[in-house]
Amino acid sequence: MRIRPLRDDLVEYLQERNLIKQWENKKYLFEQNPKLSGLNTELLEPGHLKLYSFRLTQKYRVIFIYAGNQEIEVVDINDHYQ
């Protein structure tokens, strides 16, 4: 599994919150094994939208879609407890 490069606004979001190191770590783990239990990868409700998430930190989640060819595209990174 491969994660497509992040959009500039998402990179900026990570930088502003000092999450770059966590991102690089979780990106590596996800690309090795998307089902790793520590990532808490899950299908979000409603399921027909086919949006998924995995845990970046206790507070932040990465929202993504499957883009085909063993790739995902990150569509958002947000505060899980907003």
PDB file of N, CA and C in Angstrom:
ATOM      1  N   MET A   1       0.860  -1.177   0.000  1.00  0.00           N
ATOM      2  CA  MET A   1       0.000   0.000   0.000  1.00  0.00           C
ATOM      3  C   MET A   1       0.899   1.231   0.000  1.00  0.00           C
ATOM      4  N   ARG A   2       0.517   2.234  -0.775  1.00  0.00           N
ATOM      5  CA  ARG A   2       1.281   3.476  -0.863  1.00  0.00           C
ATOM      6  C   ARG A   2       0.354   4.656  -0.614  1.00  0.00           C
ATOM      7  N   ILE A   3       0.868   5.667   0.075  1.00  0.00           N
ATOM      8  CA  ILE A   3       0.113   6.888   0.318  1.00  0.00           C
ATOM      9  C   ILE A   3       0.597   7.938  -0.668  1.00  0.00           C
ATOM     10  N   ARG A   4      -0.336   8.504  -1.421  1.00  0.00           N
ATOM     11  CA  ARG A   4       0.016   9.567  -2.362  1.00  0.00           C
ATOM     12  C   ARG A   4       0.545  10.781  -1.606  1.00  0.00           C
ATOM     13  N   PRO A   5       1.400  11.591  -2.250  1.00  0.00           N
ATOM     14  CA  PRO A   5       1.910  12.801  -1.586  1.00  0.00           C
ATOM     15  C   PRO A   5       0.764  13.691  -1.091  1.00  0.00           C
ATOM     16  N   LEU A   6       0.967  14.288   0.073  1.00  0.00           N
ATOM     17  CA  LEU A   6      -0.056  15.149   0.662  1.00  0.00           C
ATOM     18  C   LEU A   6      -0.178  16.472  -0.089  1.00  0.00           C
ATOM     19  N   ARG A   7      -1.392  17.006  -0.096  1.00  0.00           N
ATOM     20  CA  ARG A   7      -1.611  18.355  -0.624  1.00  0.00           C
ATOM     21  C   ARG A   7      -0.878  19.350   0.264  1.00  0.00           C
ATOM     22  N   ASP A   8      -0.560  20.499  -0.286  1.00  0.00           N
ATOM     23  CA  ASP A   8       0.166  21.533   0.454  1.00  0.00           C
ATOM     24  C   ASP A   8      -0.563  21.967   1.721  1.00  0.00           C
ATOM     25  N   ASP A   9      -1.886  22.087   1.665  1.00  0.00           N
ATOM     26  CA  ASP A   9      -2.625  22.529   2.847  1.00  0.00           C
ATOM     27  C   ASP A   9      -2.540  21.507   3.983  1.00  0.00           C
ATOM     28  N   LEU A  10      -2.453  20.230   3.654  1.00  0.00           N
ATOM     29  CA  LEU A  10      -2.335  19.209   4.688  1.00  0.00           C
ATOM     30  C   LEU A  10      -0.936  19.205   5.295  1.00  0.00           C
ATOM     31  N   VAL A  11       0.078  19.427   4.470  1.00  0.00           N
ATOM     32  CA  VAL A  11       1.444  19.540   4.986  1.00  0.00           C
ATOM     33  C   VAL A  11       1.529  20.733   5.931  1.00  0.00           C
ATOM     34  N   GLU A  12       0.923  21.836   5.550  1.00  0.00           N
ATOM     35  CA  GLU A  12       0.911  23.033   6.397  1.00  0.00           C
ATOM     36  C   GLU A  12       0.202  22.748   7.728  1.00  0.00           C
ATOM     37  N   TYR A  13      -0.915  22.045   7.664  1.00  0.00           N
ATOM     38  CA  TYR A  13      -1.661  21.674   8.870  1.00  0.00           C
ATOM     39  C   TYR A  13      -0.764  20.879   9.825  1.00  0.00           C
ATOM     40  N   LEU A  14      -0.033  19.905   9.282  1.00  0.00           N
ATOM     41  CA  LEU A  14       0.868  19.102  10.098  1.00  0.00           C
ATOM     42  C   LEU A  14       1.986  19.947  10.692  1.00  0.00           C
ATOM     43  N   GLN A  15       2.550  20.820   9.888  1.00  0.00           N
ATOM     44  CA  GLN A  15       3.643  21.673  10.361  1.00  0.00           C
ATOM     45  C   GLN A  15       3.183  22.597  11.477  1.00  0.00           C
ATOM     46  N   GLU A  16       2.023  23.203  11.329  1.00  0.00           N
ATOM     47  CA  GLU A  16       1.508  24.132  12.337  1.00  0.00           C
ATOM     48  C   GLU A  16       1.267  23.454  13.684  1.00  0.00           C
ATOM     49  N   ARG A  17       1.026  22.160  13.651  1.00  0.00           N
ATOM     50  CA  ARG A  17       0.720  21.424  14.878  1.00  0.00           C
ATOM     51  C   ARG A  17       1.875  20.522  15.336  1.00  0.00           C
ATOM     52  N   ASN A  18       3.033  20.707  14.692  1.00  0.00           N
ATOM     53  CA  ASN A  18       4.229  19.910  15.023  1.00  0.00           C
ATOM     54  C   ASN A  18       3.965  18.407  14.940  1.00  0.00           C
ATOM     55  N   LEU A  19       3.320  17.987  13.859  1.00  0.00           N
ATOM     56  CA  LEU A  19       2.953  16.586  13.678  1.00  0.00           C
ATOM     57  C   LEU A  19       3.718  15.896  12.544  1.00  0.00           C
ATOM     58  N   ILE A  20       4.740  16.534  12.006  1.00  0.00           N
ATOM     59  CA  ILE A  20       5.459  15.954  10.865  1.00  0.00           C
ATOM     60  C   ILE A  20       6.108  14.622  11.246  1.00  0.00           C
ATOM     61  N   LYS A  21       6.769  14.570  12.380  1.00  0.00           N
ATOM     62  CA  LYS A  21       7.445  13.337  12.810  1.00  0.00           C
ATOM     63  C   LYS A  21       6.439  12.199  12.998  1.00  0.00           C
ATOM     64  N   GLN A  22       5.314  12.496  13.643  1.00  0.00           N
ATOM     65  CA  GLN A  22       4.274  11.487  13.833  1.00  0.00           C
ATOM     66  C   GLN A  22       3.724  11.028  12.485  1.00  0.00           C
ATOM     67  N   TRP A  23       3.539  11.980  11.559  1.00  0.00           N
ATOM     68  CA  TRP A  23       3.047  11.644  10.228  1.00  0.00           C
ATOM     69  C   TRP A  23       3.996  10.674   9.523  1.00  0.00           C
ATOM     70  N   GLU A  24       5.280  10.980   9.531  1.00  0.00           N
ATOM     71  CA  GLU A  24       6.260  10.120   8.856  1.00  0.00           C
ATOM     72  C   GLU A  24       6.246   8.719   9.459  1.00  0.00           C
ATOM     73  N   ASN A  25       6.148   8.628  10.765  1.00  0.00           N
ATOM     74  CA  ASN A  25       6.108   7.330  11.436  1.00  0.00           C
ATOM     75  C   ASN A  25       4.851   6.546  11.056  1.00  0.00           C
ATOM     76  N   LYS A  26       3.688   7.171  11.160  1.00  0.00           N
ATOM     77  CA  LYS A  26       2.437   6.463  10.861  1.00  0.00           C
ATOM     78  C   LYS A  26       2.313   6.159   9.367  1.00  0.00           C
ATOM     79  N   LYS A  27       2.830   7.027   8.534  1.00  0.00           N
ATOM     80  CA  LYS A  27       2.834   6.777   7.082  1.00  0.00           C
ATOM     81  C   LYS A  27       3.628   5.501   6.788  1.00  0.00           C
ATOM     82  N   TYR A  28       4.796   5.390   7.384  1.00  0.00           N
ATOM     83  CA  TYR A  28       5.621   4.193   7.194  1.00  0.00           C
ATOM     84  C   TYR A  28       4.881   2.939   7.677  1.00  0.00           C
ATOM     85  N   LEU A  29       4.316   2.995   8.883  1.00  0.00           N
ATOM     86  CA  LEU A  29       3.598   1.849   9.424  1.00  0.00           C
ATOM     87  C   LEU A  29       2.415   1.464   8.539  1.00  0.00           C
ATOM     88  N   PHE A  30       1.649   2.466   8.092  1.00  0.00           N
ATOM     89  CA  PHE A  30       0.487   2.193   7.258  1.00  0.00           C
ATOM     90  C   PHE A  30       0.904   1.545   5.943  1.00  0.00           C
ATOM     91  N   GLU A  31       1.968   2.053   5.341  1.00  0.00           N
ATOM     92  CA  GLU A  31       2.412   1.501   4.060  1.00  0.00           C
ATOM     93  C   GLU A  31       2.925   0.069   4.203  1.00  0.00           C
ATOM     94  N   GLN A  32       3.434  -0.282   5.387  1.00  0.00           N
ATOM     95  CA  GLN A  32       3.890  -1.652   5.641  1.00  0.00           C
ATOM     96  C   GLN A  32       2.712  -2.589   5.917  1.00  0.00           C
ATOM     97  N   ASN A  33       1.743  -2.091   6.699  1.00  0.00           N
ATOM     98  CA  ASN A  33       0.599  -2.922   7.080  1.00  0.00           C
ATOM     99  C   ASN A  33      -0.579  -2.036   7.484  1.00  0.00           C
ATOM    100  N   PRO A  34      -1.499  -1.732   6.553  1.00  0.00           N
ATOM    101  CA  PRO A  34      -2.628  -0.850   6.862  1.00  0.00           C
ATOM    102  C   PRO A  34      -3.552  -1.377   7.954  1.00  0.00           C
ATOM    103  N   LYS A  35      -3.469  -2.661   8.249  1.00  0.00           N
ATOM    104  CA  LYS A  35      -4.356  -3.257   9.254  1.00  0.00           C
ATOM    105  C   LYS A  35      -3.691  -3.379  10.621  1.00  0.00           C
ATOM    106  N   LEU A  36      -2.535  -2.787  10.785  1.00  0.00           N
ATOM    107  CA  LEU A  36      -1.839  -2.825  12.067  1.00  0.00           C
ATOM    108  C   LEU A  36      -2.759  -2.290  13.161  1.00  0.00           C
ATOM    109  N   SER A  37      -2.883  -3.024  14.249  1.00  0.00           N
ATOM    110  CA  SER A  37      -3.873  -2.666  15.276  1.00  0.00           C
ATOM    111  C   SER A  37      -3.638  -1.281  15.867  1.00  0.00           C
ATOM    112  N   GLY A  38      -2.411  -0.830  16.007  1.00  0.00           N
ATOM    113  CA  GLY A  38      -2.128   0.476  16.586  1.00  0.00           C
ATOM    114  C   GLY A  38      -2.596   1.645  15.741  1.00  0.00           C
ATOM    115  N   LEU A  39      -2.872   1.395  14.461  1.00  0.00           N
ATOM    116  CA  LEU A  39      -3.352   2.457  13.578  1.00  0.00           C
ATOM    117  C   LEU A  39      -4.853   2.687  13.721  1.00  0.00           C
ATOM    118  N   ASN A  40      -5.563   1.686  14.209  1.00  0.00           N
ATOM    119  CA  ASN A  40      -7.024   1.774  14.326  1.00  0.00           C
ATOM    120  C   ASN A  40      -7.683   2.190  13.013  1.00  0.00           C
ATOM    121  N   THR A  41      -7.273   1.563  11.928  1.00  0.00           N
ATOM    122  CA  THR A  41      -7.854   1.851  10.614  1.00  0.00           C
ATOM    123  C   THR A  41      -9.300   1.378  10.608  1.00  0.00           C
ATOM    124  N   GLU A  42     -10.194   2.267  10.129  1.00  0.00           N
ATOM    125  CA  GLU A  42     -11.607   1.908  10.130  1.00  0.00           C
ATOM    126  C   GLU A  42     -12.367   2.611   9.016  1.00  0.00           C
ATOM    127  N   LEU A  43     -13.466   1.977   8.606  1.00  0.00           N
ATOM    128  CA  LEU A  43     -14.411   2.571   7.662  1.00  0.00           C
ATOM    129  C   LEU A  43     -15.301   3.512   8.452  1.00  0.00           C
ATOM    130  N   LEU A  44     -15.438   4.732   7.965  1.00  0.00           N
ATOM    131  CA  LEU A  44     -16.262   5.722   8.657  1.00  0.00           C
ATOM    132  C   LEU A  44     -17.716   5.615   8.219  1.00  0.00           C
ATOM    133  N   GLU A  45     -18.598   6.041   9.083  1.00  0.00           N
ATOM    134  CA  GLU A  45     -20.040   6.065   8.780  1.00  0.00           C
ATOM    135  C   GLU A  45     -20.406   7.382   8.115  1.00  0.00           C
ATOM    136  N   PRO A  46     -21.305   7.399   7.173  1.00  0.00           N
ATOM    137  CA  PRO A  46     -21.976   6.264   6.557  1.00  0.00           C
ATOM    138  C   PRO A  46     -21.040   5.534   5.592  1.00  0.00           C
ATOM    139  N   GLY A  47     -21.087   4.230   5.628  1.00  0.00           N
ATOM    140  CA  GLY A  47     -20.175   3.380   4.878  1.00  0.00           C
ATOM    141  C   GLY A  47     -20.209   3.563   3.374  1.00  0.00           C
ATOM    142  N   HIS A  48     -21.352   3.977   2.836  1.00  0.00           N
ATOM    143  CA  HIS A  48     -21.450   4.104   1.381  1.00  0.00           C
ATOM    144  C   HIS A  48     -20.544   5.208   0.827  1.00  0.00           C
ATOM    145  N   LEU A  49     -20.055   6.108   1.683  1.00  0.00           N
ATOM    146  CA  LEU A  49     -19.139   7.163   1.225  1.00  0.00           C
ATOM    147  C   LEU A  49     -17.717   6.645   1.022  1.00  0.00           C
ATOM    148  N   LYS A  50     -17.433   5.479   1.585  1.00  0.00           N
ATOM    149  CA  LYS A  50     -16.124   4.827   1.446  1.00  0.00           C
ATOM    150  C   LYS A  50     -14.975   5.705   1.913  1.00  0.00           C
ATOM    151  N   LEU A  51     -15.193   6.396   3.033  1.00  0.00           N
ATOM    152  CA  LEU A  51     -14.140   7.167   3.693  1.00  0.00           C
ATOM    153  C   LEU A  51     -13.595   6.321   4.842  1.00  0.00           C
ATOM    154  N   TYR A  52     -12.295   6.344   4.986  1.00  0.00           N
ATOM    155  CA  TYR A  52     -11.622   5.577   6.023  1.00  0.00           C
ATOM    156  C   TYR A  52     -10.771   6.515   6.865  1.00  0.00           C
ATOM    157  N   SER A  53     -10.354   6.032   8.022  1.00  0.00           N
ATOM    158  CA  SER A  53      -9.438   6.818   8.845  1.00  0.00           C
ATOM    159  C   SER A  53      -8.428   5.902   9.512  1.00  0.00           C
ATOM    160  N   PHE A  54      -7.300   6.502   9.881  1.00  0.00           N
ATOM    161  CA  PHE A  54      -6.372   5.836  10.785  1.00  0.00           C
ATOM    162  C   PHE A  54      -5.852   6.866  11.765  1.00  0.00           C
ATOM    163  N   ARG A  55      -5.368   6.381  12.898  1.00  0.00           N
ATOM    164  CA  ARG A  55      -4.933   7.233  13.998  1.00  0.00           C
ATOM    165  C   ARG A  55      -3.551   7.806  13.720  1.00  0.00           C
ATOM    166  N   LEU A  56      -3.442   9.127  13.786  1.00  0.00           N
ATOM    167  CA  LEU A  56      -2.148   9.787  13.709  1.00  0.00           C
ATOM    168  C   LEU A  56      -1.583   9.925  15.126  1.00  0.00           C
ATOM    169  N   THR A  57      -2.405  10.451  16.028  1.00  0.00           N
ATOM    170  CA  THR A  57      -2.089  10.524  17.455  1.00  0.00           C
ATOM    171  C   THR A  57      -3.392  10.230  18.194  1.00  0.00           C
ATOM    172  N   GLN A  58      -3.367  10.308  19.496  1.00  0.00           N
ATOM    173  CA  GLN A  58      -4.608  10.128  20.248  1.00  0.00           C
ATOM    174  C   GLN A  58      -5.640  11.168  19.840  1.00  0.00           C
ATOM    175  N   LYS A  59      -5.189  12.346  19.464  1.00  0.00           N
ATOM    176  CA  LYS A  59      -6.084  13.456  19.158  1.00  0.00           C
ATOM    177  C   LYS A  59      -6.423  13.591  17.672  1.00  0.00           C
ATOM    178  N   TYR A  60      -5.499  13.241  16.783  1.00  0.00           N
ATOM    179  CA  TYR A  60      -5.669  13.509  15.350  1.00  0.00           C
ATOM    180  C   TYR A  60      -5.882  12.238  14.540  1.00  0.00           C
ATOM    181  N   ARG A  61      -6.732  12.361  13.529  1.00  0.00           N
ATOM    182  CA  ARG A  61      -7.028  11.263  12.612  1.00  0.00           C
ATOM    183  C   ARG A  61      -6.729  11.684  11.178  1.00  0.00           C
ATOM    184  N   VAL A  62      -6.319  10.706  10.383  1.00  0.00           N
ATOM    185  CA  VAL A  62      -6.076  10.883   8.955  1.00  0.00           C
ATOM    186  C   VAL A  62      -7.271  10.278   8.228  1.00  0.00           C
ATOM    187  N   ILE A  63      -7.937  11.076   7.401  1.00  0.00           N
ATOM    188  CA  ILE A  63      -9.096  10.618   6.638  1.00  0.00           C
ATOM    189  C   ILE A  63      -8.626  10.360   5.206  1.00  0.00           C
ATOM    190  N   PHE A  64      -8.998   9.192   4.652  1.00  0.00           N
ATOM    191  CA  PHE A  64      -8.498   8.844   3.323  1.00  0.00           C
ATOM    192  C   PHE A  64      -9.509   8.043   2.521  1.00  0.00           C
ATOM    193  N   ILE A  65      -9.212   7.950   1.231  1.00  0.00           N
ATOM    194  CA  ILE A  65      -9.979   7.111   0.308  1.00  0.00           C
ATOM    195  C   ILE A  65      -9.003   6.196  -0.416  1.00  0.00           C
ATOM    196  N   TYR A  66      -9.495   5.046  -0.837  1.00  0.00           N
ATOM    197  CA  TYR A  66      -8.688   4.165  -1.678  1.00  0.00           C
ATOM    198  C   TYR A  66      -8.748   4.708  -3.092  1.00  0.00           C
ATOM    199  N   ALA A  67      -7.558   4.891  -3.696  1.00  0.00           N
ATOM    200  CA  ALA A  67      -7.470   5.514  -5.013  1.00  0.00           C
ATOM    201  C   ALA A  67      -7.161   4.494  -6.109  1.00  0.00           C
ATOM    202  N   GLY A  68      -7.102   3.233  -5.778  1.00  0.00           N
ATOM    203  CA  GLY A  68      -6.778   2.194  -6.748  1.00  0.00           C
ATOM    204  C   GLY A  68      -5.278   1.976  -6.839  1.00  0.00           C
ATOM    205  N   ASN A  69      -4.880   0.906  -7.528  1.00  0.00           N
ATOM    206  CA  ASN A  69      -3.464   0.578  -7.716  1.00  0.00           C
ATOM    207  C   ASN A  69      -2.692   0.534  -6.408  1.00  0.00           C
ATOM    208  N   GLN A  70      -3.314  -0.010  -5.362  1.00  0.00           N
ATOM    209  CA  GLN A  70      -2.671  -0.113  -4.051  1.00  0.00           C
ATOM    210  C   GLN A  70      -2.238   1.236  -3.498  1.00  0.00           C
ATOM    211  N   GLU A  71      -3.033   2.271  -3.764  1.00  0.00           N
ATOM    212  CA  GLU A  71      -2.745   3.617  -3.283  1.00  0.00           C
ATOM    213  C   GLU A  71      -3.940   4.177  -2.519  1.00  0.00           C
ATOM    214  N   ILE A  72      -3.611   5.049  -1.563  1.00  0.00           N
ATOM    215  CA  ILE A  72      -4.664   5.820  -0.914  1.00  0.00           C
ATOM    216  C   ILE A  72      -4.350   7.303  -1.093  1.00  0.00           C
ATOM    217  N   GLU A  73      -5.396   8.109  -0.992  1.00  0.00           N
ATOM    218  CA  GLU A  73      -5.235   9.560  -1.026  1.00  0.00           C
ATOM    219  C   GLU A  73      -5.804  10.131   0.268  1.00  0.00           C
ATOM    220  N   VAL A  74      -4.986  10.895   0.961  1.00  0.00           N
ATOM    221  CA  VAL A  74      -5.436  11.545   2.191  1.00  0.00           C
ATOM    222  C   VAL A  74      -6.278  12.751   1.794  1.00  0.00           C
ATOM    223  N   VAL A  75      -7.507  12.803   2.297  1.00  0.00           N
ATOM    224  CA  VAL A  75      -8.407  13.910   1.974  1.00  0.00           C
ATOM    225  C   VAL A  75      -8.508  14.919   3.118  1.00  0.00           C
ATOM    226  N   ASP A  76      -8.143  14.486   4.338  1.00  0.00           N
ATOM    227  CA  ASP A  76      -8.200  15.418   5.472  1.00  0.00           C
ATOM    228  C   ASP A  76      -7.392  14.836   6.624  1.00  0.00           C
ATOM    229  N   ILE A  77      -6.914  15.738   7.457  1.00  0.00           N
ATOM    230  CA  ILE A  77      -6.319  15.381   8.746  1.00  0.00           C
ATOM    231  C   ILE A  77      -6.989  16.328   9.733  1.00  0.00           C
ATOM    232  N   ASN A  78      -7.584  15.741  10.774  1.00  0.00           N
ATOM    233  CA  ASN A  78      -8.333  16.614  11.677  1.00  0.00           C
ATOM    234  C   ASN A  78      -8.276  16.154  13.120  1.00  0.00           C
ATOM    235  N   ASP A  79      -8.734  17.064  13.955  1.00  0.00           N
ATOM    236  CA  ASP A  79      -8.855  16.830  15.389  1.00  0.00           C
ATOM    237  C   ASP A  79     -10.070  15.934  15.584  1.00  0.00           C
ATOM    238  N   HIS A  80      -9.824  14.751  16.049  1.00  0.00           N
ATOM    239  CA  HIS A  80     -10.864  13.733  16.200  1.00  0.00           C
ATOM    240  C   HIS A  80     -11.949  14.149  17.186  1.00  0.00           C
ATOM    241  N   TYR A  81     -11.638  15.056  18.084  1.00  0.00           N
ATOM    242  CA  TYR A  81     -12.581  15.416  19.138  1.00  0.00           C
ATOM    243  C   TYR A  81     -13.179  16.797  18.969  1.00  0.00           C
ATOM    244  N   GLN A  82     -13.248  17.302  17.742  1.00  0.00           N
ATOM    245  CA  GLN A  82     -13.835  18.611  17.488  1.00  0.00           C
ATOM    246  C   GLN A  82     -15.303  18.620  17.869  1.00  0.00           C
TER     247      GLN A  82
END
